[in-house]
C-alpha atoms as a PDB file:
ATOM      1  CA  MET A   1      16.920  -7.892  25.854  1.00  0.00           C
ATOM      2  CA  PRO A   2      18.477  -4.877  23.465  1.00  0.00           C
ATOM      3  CA  ARG A   3      19.009  -1.618  24.670  1.00  0.00           C
ATOM      4  CA  ILE A   4      16.749   0.468  22.117  1.00  0.00           C
ATOM      5  CA  THR A   5      13.924  -1.859  23.017  1.00  0.00           C
ATOM      6  CA  VAL A   6      14.599  -1.603  26.529  1.00  0.00           C
ATOM      7  CA  GLU A   7      14.525   2.259  25.974  1.00  0.00           C
ATOM      8  CA  MET A   8      11.219   2.241  24.244  1.00  0.00           C
ATOM      9  CA  ASN A   9       9.687   0.134  26.623  1.00  0.00           C
ATOM     10  CA  GLU A  10      10.524   3.152  29.439  1.00  0.00           C
ATOM     11  CA  ILE A  11       9.504   5.321  26.939  1.00  0.00           C
ATOM     12  CA  LEU A  12       6.123   3.597  26.387  1.00  0.00           C
ATOM     13  CA  ALA A  13       5.724   3.064  29.990  1.00  0.00           C
ATOM     14  CA  ALA A  14       6.086   6.793  30.483  1.00  0.00           C
ATOM     15  CA  GLN A  15       3.297   7.585  28.299  1.00  0.00           C
ATOM     16  CA  GLY A  16       0.614   4.440  29.955  1.00  0.00           C
ATOM     17  CA  LEU A  17       1.133   2.222  26.662  1.00  0.00           C
ATOM     18  CA  ALA A  18       3.208  -0.416  27.739  1.00  0.00           C
ATOM     19  CA  ASP A  19       1.425  -3.919  27.217  1.00  0.00           C
ATOM     20  CA  SER A  20       3.532  -6.959  28.230  1.00  0.00           C
ATOM     21  CA  THR A  21       0.967  -9.259  26.413  1.00  0.00           C
ATOM     22  CA  LYS A  22       2.201  -7.475  22.928  1.00  0.00           C
ATOM     23  CA  THR A  23       5.663  -7.191  20.931  1.00  0.00           C
ATOM     24  CA  MET A  24       7.200  -4.384  20.482  1.00  0.00           C
ATOM     25  CA  GLY A  25       6.529  -5.125  16.481  1.00  0.00           C
ATOM     26  CA  GLU A  26       2.278  -5.262  17.770  1.00  0.00           C
ATOM     27  CA  ILE A  27       3.025  -1.933  20.199  1.00  0.00           C
ATOM     28  CA  MET A  28       4.294   0.048  17.006  1.00  0.00           C
ATOM     29  CA  GLN A  29       1.913  -0.897  14.557  1.00  0.00           C
ATOM     30  CA  ALA A  30      -1.135  -0.039  16.892  1.00  0.00           C
ATOM     31  CA  LEU A  31       0.204   3.400  17.410  1.00  0.00           C
ATOM     32  CA  ASN A  32       0.813   3.758  13.829  1.00  0.00           C
ATOM     33  CA  LYS A  33      -3.142   3.312  13.920  1.00  0.00           C
ATOM     34  CA  ASP A  34      -3.742   5.736  16.783  1.00  0.00           C
ATOM     35  CA  GLU A  35      -5.026   8.967  15.556  1.00  0.00           C
ATOM     36  CA  ARG A  36      -3.218  11.028  18.375  1.00  0.00           C
ATOM     37  CA  PHE A  37       0.021   9.733  16.428  1.00  0.00           C
ATOM     38  CA  LEU A  38      -1.158  11.112  12.788  1.00  0.00           C
ATOM     39  CA  TYR A  39      -0.871  14.309  11.021  1.00  0.00           C
ATOM     40  CA  PRO A  40      -4.103  14.643   9.317  1.00  0.00           C
ATOM     41  CA  LYS A  41      -4.637  13.934   5.569  1.00  0.00           C
ATOM     42  CA  GLY A  42      -4.273  16.311   2.864  1.00  0.00           C
ATOM     43  CA  ASP A  43      -2.757  19.908   2.284  1.00  0.00           C
ATOM     44  CA  GLU A  44      -2.687  20.337   5.978  1.00  0.00           C
ATOM     45  CA  GLY A  45      -0.595  17.420   7.450  1.00  0.00           C
ATOM     46  CA  ARG A  46       1.905  17.696   4.800  1.00  0.00           C
ATOM     47  CA  GLN A  47       2.453  21.408   6.298  1.00  0.00           C
ATOM     48  CA  MET A  48       2.425  20.143   9.588  1.00  0.00           C
ATOM     49  CA  ILE A  49       4.798  17.288   8.788  1.00  0.00           C
ATOM     50  CA  ILE A  50       7.209  19.872   6.616  1.00  0.00           C
ATOM     51  CA  GLU A  51       7.153  22.340   9.511  1.00  0.00           C
ATOM     52  CA  ASP A  52       7.958  19.686  12.039  1.00  0.00           C
ATOM     53  CA  PHE A  53      10.598  18.259  10.175  1.00  0.00           C
ATOM     54  CA  ARG A  54      12.238  21.911   9.331  1.00  0.00           C
ATOM     55  CA  ILE A  55      11.987  22.439  13.480  1.00  0.00           C
ATOM     56  CA  GLU A  56      13.697  18.855  14.124  1.00  0.00           C
ATOM     57  CA  ASN A  57      16.369  19.796  12.137  1.00  0.00           C
ATOM     58  CA  GLN A  58      16.861  23.396  13.314  1.00  0.00           C
ATOM     59  CA  SER A  59      17.089  21.829  16.623  1.00  0.00           C
ATOM     60  CA  LYS A  60      19.897  19.060  15.418  1.00  0.00           C
ATOM     61  CA  ALA A  61      21.853  21.906  13.848  1.00  0.00           C
ATOM     62  CA  LYS A  62      22.112  23.807  16.978  1.00  0.00           C
ATOM     63  CA  ALA A  63      23.091  21.068  18.776  1.00  0.00           C
ATOM     64  CA  GLY A  64      25.791  20.367  16.434  1.00  0.00           C
ATOM     65  CA  ARG A  65      24.534  16.898  15.021  1.00  0.00           C
END
């Protein structure tokens, strides 16, 4: 099994989201529809996305990546 799949399975299992009856693609598609993992629609959601990307970029810059 590819390393990335193993790591993704470990993360999903730790979050209680692993499902051995589904492919990784099916699991990711289901997560993409789960409201817990989506930004709100409209201006509020867009602003949240921009802020999250800004924070992530700052973290990467501090880590030298």
